[in-house]
Amino acid sequence: MAVGVVLLNIDAPLVEDGLFWWVPKALLVAESGPAFVLAELPAAALPQSELPPQWLGGMPDYAHPPLWYWYLGLFLRLPVAPHVAVHLAALPLAAAFGWGSAELLRRAGGTWAAWGAAVFPLIPPVAANLLRADTDLPLMALTPWALVAVLDRRDGLFALTAALATWCKEPGILLAAPALLACVLDRRKGWGWVAPPAALALWALVHYLETGWGLASSERLPETVGAWFSDIGTVLWIALGDQFRWILVPLAIYGLWRGTPRRRALAILAAHTLVQLGFFGTLNFLGGLDRLDAYTHVRYLIPGILGACTVLVALGPPNAVVLAVASLVFLYRPSPHGPESSLYGVDVGRAVREAGPLIAAQEQTTWVGSYAFTQLTRPYAGVVTTPLEGLEVYAFETDPTEVEGVIVEVCEGEPLGRLQELDLEEIERVEVRHAWVRILRVR
């Protein structure tokens, strides 16, 4: 199922953060190998056009471990379109994720529960993550194998998978928590839990010696206790309640009452879930920010969402069927938590691609948002084959008096801001399922 999600969307455009962060770095790897880490962006990643706003502060960012974009760089050397190569790179990870989820469910709930893993790739945020070139994809693929290793008391397998996860994305260090709990429950001195912090410490040392810079820091910390409670509440809702997942909770409680659960496995998985959601409900949660666009980094919550779903399905075999129905209902629908919550975000990219010829045909000054700017000027995104030239970029604070010609409005992530004050006339509209792009003339 996980591989099928990727194959059915193998030509999907690249969207959101992968456009700015990981694919440009991977293009550098494909061109110059590991030596690129301290290099400037070459022509492959930086065509002759103005930088989008996200890059003006200094890109690329080298504060994250390099394993993920080194891996992507290997696939970008294939003789296929770059966006297709990125999805090909996702195929082994999708297979590992699906297989690992089945193994994890088998240990937590038995053979019948293992079949519930077929539903996990259809959970809307998970399906969306399978098609994104973000570090959360390898983290999602390696996490179930690290947890399988914890349940099987295999310190070597845990050390390998957890260290690889940490070298792809720093929060892999959180996998040390369930490994430590397993040692306490089993009353044994395991050593595998040391691997994630040791892997992160090694990267931090190399990073410091090479650059003198610090590692990536939190995008946001709640300013008050009330804000923290609000963030935690929203995170718990996204993981356990949103997209009808709340229906699984009473069914799991009923299953707990009727059956004899595998207490050790469920306790370790529950601890993993709480640590993941507690961490990301405290650091980096963007849902509580005062901003015009609804953009929550739902991908950060995926290990916690999957941990919760594993527990819920293990406690009640009917939960897999209910989860499948709920997932299919919301698979392509927009979410108040942003484009990472479903395949709606990928459809937004498709809508921009279909609107590309219409945008190119405009004979007036054309204003676009930063995401669309990148997709329309960077052929590696899979939206255009030839970069569009002469585009102007608008932001929230763009002065309406400076804007004339036409404006391209994309339904997600790039609201018009002050440009709504203008007298606008819709002249073209492109729709892909729920996603849309409008071309507006300034009158």
Foldseek 3Di string as FASTA:
>chain_A
DLLVLLVVCLLFFAFDPCLFEQLQLLCQCLVPNPVCLPPDRDCQSPPPADAFPVPPVDDDDNQAFDPLSNLLNVQCNDPDQLLSSLSVSLNVLSVLLLVLLLLLLCLFANNLLSVLSVQVCLQFLNSLLSSHSALLSLLSSLVSQLLSCLSVVNLVSNLVSLLSSCSSPVVSLLSLFLSVVSCVVVVHDGDSSVNSVVSNVVVQVVCCVVPVDHHDDFPDFDPDPVLLVVLLVVLCCLQQPPLNNVVLVVQLVVLVVVDDTPVSSLVSLVRSLCSQSSVCSGTRFPQPDPDDAQEGPCSSNVSNSSSVLSSSCSSHVCSSVVSNVSSVVCQQPDDSNFDSSHCVSSQLSVQLLVCLVVQLPFPWAEEEASRSQSVQANVSSSRDVHHRPRHHYDAQPDDLVVDAFKYKDWPHDGDPHPVVVFDWDWDDKTGDVPTIITIIHGD
